[in-house]
Amino acid sequence: MLGRSSIVGRQALSVTTLSKNKEVFIIGAARTPIGSFRSQLASLSAPQLGSVAIKAAVERGGLKPEDVQEV
């Protein structure tokens, strides 16, 4: 879990690791589907569109879906 504190003004944003036992890996990236206004993708929800990108990133990373613990 990450904690974040920020103060408005000139001070920088600081991020502190609360649990040092977790390792985080970014295995890949993929773009969500892009369509035109009110096209075929209009009936899909944001989570449905996001799942397409997540599945592609997992596949590109060479992982099995059951290896992913958190998105």
Protein backbone atom coordinates (compact mmCIF):
# COMPACT_ATOMS: atom_id res chain seq x y z
CA MET A 1 0.00 0.00 0.00
CA LEU A 2 1.29 3.46 -0.79
CA GLY A 3 0.58 6.55 1.20
CA ARG A 4 0.65 9.96 -0.39
CA SER A 5 0.85 13.37 1.17
CA SER A 6 0.79 16.63 -0.67
CA ILE A 7 0.78 20.23 0.40
CA VAL A 8 -0.53 22.89 -1.93
CA GLY A 9 2.16 25.38 -2.76
CA ARG A 10 5.81 24.99 -3.61
CA GLN A 11 6.49 21.77 -1.76
CA ALA A 12 6.89 18.59 -3.79
CA LEU A 13 4.59 15.60 -3.61
CA SER A 14 6.05 12.83 -1.47
CA VAL A 15 5.18 9.15 -1.68
CA THR A 16 5.97 6.81 1.20
CA THR A 17 5.88 3.03 1.11
CA LEU A 18 3.90 1.79 4.09
CA SER A 19 4.52 -1.90 3.46
CA LYS A 20 8.03 -2.80 2.37
CA ASN A 21 7.12 -6.43 1.72
CA LYS A 22 5.26 -5.78 -1.55
CA GLU A 23 6.93 -5.75 -4.93
CA VAL A 24 5.17 -4.07 -7.83
CA PHE A 25 5.90 -4.87 -11.45
CA ILE A 26 4.60 -3.17 -14.57
CA ILE A 27 4.58 -5.96 -17.11
CA GLY A 28 3.31 -4.12 -20.13
CA ALA A 29 0.99 -1.52 -21.49
CA ALA A 30 -1.78 -1.44 -24.04
CA ARG A 31 -4.09 1.27 -25.32
CA THR A 32 -7.81 1.13 -24.73
CA PRO A 33 -9.89 0.79 -27.90
CA ILE A 34 -10.54 4.05 -29.73
CA GLY A 35 -13.72 4.74 -31.66
CA SER A 36 -15.63 7.66 -33.04
CA PHE A 37 -18.53 9.37 -31.27
CA ARG A 38 -21.57 7.06 -30.93
CA SER A 39 -19.89 4.30 -32.91
CA GLN A 40 -19.75 0.56 -32.24
CA LEU A 41 -17.88 1.07 -28.95
CA ALA A 42 -20.56 3.39 -27.50
CA SER A 43 -22.48 0.49 -25.96
CA LEU A 44 -19.45 -0.71 -23.97
CA SER A 45 -18.79 0.50 -20.43
CA ALA A 46 -15.44 1.91 -19.28
CA PRO A 47 -14.59 -1.33 -17.38
CA GLN A 48 -15.34 -3.36 -20.51
CA LEU A 49 -13.05 -1.17 -22.61
CA GLY A 50 -10.37 -1.25 -19.91
CA SER A 51 -10.50 -5.04 -19.75
CA VAL A 52 -9.46 -5.19 -23.41
CA ALA A 53 -6.32 -3.19 -22.62
CA ILE A 54 -5.58 -5.18 -19.47
CA LYS A 55 -5.89 -8.52 -21.28
CA ALA A 56 -3.59 -7.28 -24.06
CA ALA A 57 -0.97 -6.04 -21.56
CA VAL A 58 -1.01 -9.36 -19.70
CA GLU A 59 -0.66 -11.28 -22.97
CA ARG A 60 2.21 -9.05 -24.16
CA GLY A 61 3.92 -9.52 -20.81
CA GLY A 62 3.86 -13.28 -21.24
CA LEU A 63 1.80 -13.90 -18.10
CA LYS A 64 -1.11 -16.18 -17.39
CA PRO A 65 -4.22 -14.27 -16.25
CA GLU A 66 -4.21 -16.17 -12.95
CA ASP A 67 -0.73 -14.76 -12.19
CA VAL A 68 -2.16 -11.22 -11.91
CA GLN A 69 -3.03 -10.40 -8.31
CA GLU A 70 -4.29 -6.84 -8.62
CA VAL A 71 -5.12 -4.31 -11.33
